[in-house]
Amino acid sequence: MKLVNIMRNKSLHTNILLNIVKQICILIFPLVTVPYASRTLLQDKYGMISFGSSIVSYFSLIASLGISTYAVREGCAIRENKKKFNDFASQIFTINMLSTFIAYILFFVTVLWNVKLFNMRSLLFIQGLSILFTTIGTDWVNTVYEEFLYITLRFAIFQCIAMVLMLVFVKKPEDYLIYAYINLFATVGPNILNVLYCKKFVHIKLVKIREIKEHITPILLLFANTIATTIYINSDITILGFIQDNSAVGIYSLVGKIYTMAKQLVSAFIVAITPRLASYIGNKDFKMYAELLNISFEYLITLLVPIALGIAILSRKLIIIVGGEAYAKGSTALVILSIAMLFAIPAFFLSSSMLILMKRERQFLYITITGAVVNISVNFFAIPGYSYNGAAFTTLLAETVVLFMTLIFTKATARPKCSRRSIISVTIAGFTMGICCQIVLYWNENPYGSFLTAVCIGVSVYIVILWLFKNRVLLDLMERKIFKKGNSIDV
C-alpha cells in the first residue's frame, strides 16, 4: 500500500520538467565534449570512434528489440501488484538477454569476418560492452515507476564525471581507446547503479522459455516499427549522399540535427506522461485517462507552436550560430522542417498515447511503413532538382501523411480535443510573437545578439498574449493547478 501511495504522489508536472531538463542535458553535453574530442583525437581517430559507434548501434538495435516501449506499456498496468510485476519483469529480462546473446553472436561474426572491422577489434570490443550493460540495467523499470528525478540526476552526474575524465586523460590522438573507455563508463556506470536501485521495486531472474512466449509477437511488431522508423529517418541523408555532393549532405545533416533536437525537446513532455496514461488504461480508469489526454494535448500545442514558429523565423541565425556562415544556405530547409514539426509531434503524441498504449501496434506499423515509403519514393524525385530543400519537403509530406493516417486509425477512439479559446489564444500569441521577432531581426543583424534578443522578447510577448486571453494552460501553471499531486490530474 505504501508503494501505491508513493506512486500516486508522483507529480506529473515535476516529471515533465525533469525529463525536459534531461533532454536539455543530452543536447548540451555534446557541445562541450564533441569539439574537444574531435580536435584532440584529430580526424582519423575521431572518425574511427564514430565509425565504431555506428557499427555497434546496429547490434544494440537488435539487442533492444521493441522491449522498452512494450515493457513500459505493460508494466505500468501492473506496477502496483508486486508479484505480477516481478514475474513480468523477469520474463522481459529473459527475452532481452536472449536478444542480446543473438546480437553478440552476430557482432563477433561480423567483426571477425570483415577485415576492416577486425583491424579495429580492440575499439569495437570496448564499445560493444555497452550492449550487455544496457540490457542488465533494465532502465525501463525506472520509467514504469516514474523515477524521473533519479534518471535525470544519474544521467547528469555520470556525464559530468565522464566529461572531467575526458579533459584529464584524453590529450592526444593515441588516447582514443581511453576515450572509448570513458564513453563506456558513462554507459556502464548508470546501468550498474540501476541494478542496485531497481531492487527497491523488483527482483529479476531468468525464467524458462515457455513463460515468455506471449510477449514475443507484440515485441517483434514494435521492433519492426523501430526498424521502419530508423530507415525512415536515415533515408534522406542516404539518398541525398548518392544523388548530391558531400556539401549538400553536410548542410542537411546540420539542419536535420537541429530539427531532431527540437523534436526531442518537445517529445520529452510526451515521454513523461506516457507511464501515467498507461497506468490509467491498465486500471481501466478511462475517465482519468481521457482527462489527462485532453489537458496534455492542450499543453503540448501551447508548447509546440512557439518552438516551431521560432525555429522558422530564426532559422538562418540559428544555423549560423550552430554551424557557421557556410551552412546558412540550409535555412529554407529548416523552415520547411519546422512546419513538419507541427505534423510530426501531434502524430507522435496520438500514436504513443493511444495506438501503442491500446495495443494497436499493427496499425502503428502500417502508418510507419507508409510514411517511410512516401519519404523514400518522393526523395528520388525531389532531391535531384531541389537537393536538401527537396529532402526537407519529402519529410514534411511524409509527416503529413503519417498524421493523417494516425487520425484515421484513432477516429473510433475519443481523441484529445483542444478548446477554441486555447486555439485562438495560441494562434494570436504565436502571430504576435513572430512579428516581434521579425522586427528584432530587421534592426539587429548580429546573429548572436539578434537571436538572444528575439528569443527573450518573443517568449515574453507569447506569455503576455496568452495571459491576456486567459489561456487555460498558462493560468493553470501560474496557479499551480496542473498535474496536482494525488489522484487528480492537477499539480
Foldseek 3Di string as FASTA:
>chain_A
DVLVQVLLQDFLVVLLVLLLLLLVVVVPLCVQPVVVCCVFQDDPLVVVLVVLLVLLVVLLLQLCQLLLLVCLLVCLLCLVPFVVNQLVQQLSLQSSVVSNVVSVVVVVCVQVVDPVSVVVVLLNVLLNVLSVLVSLLPCSLCLLSSVSVCVSVLLVVLSVVLSVQCVPQRRHSVCSSVNSNSVSCSRNVNSVVSNVVCVVRYDYDHDDPVSNVVPPVLSNLSSLLVVLVVLLLCLLLVVLPVQDPVLLSVLLVLLSVVLVSLLSSLCSSLSSCLSVLSNCVSVVVVVQNQVLQQVSVLVSLLVLLQSLLLCLLLVQLVCCVVPRPSSSVCSLLNNLSSLLSVLQNVLCNLCRNPCSSVSNSVLVSVLSNQLSVQLNVQSVVQCNVPNSSSNSNSSSVSSNSSSVSSCVVCVVPPHHDHDPLSVVLSVVLSVVLSVQLVVLCVVDVPSVVSSVVSVVSSVVSSLVSCVVSVPPVSVLVVVQFARRRGPDRTD
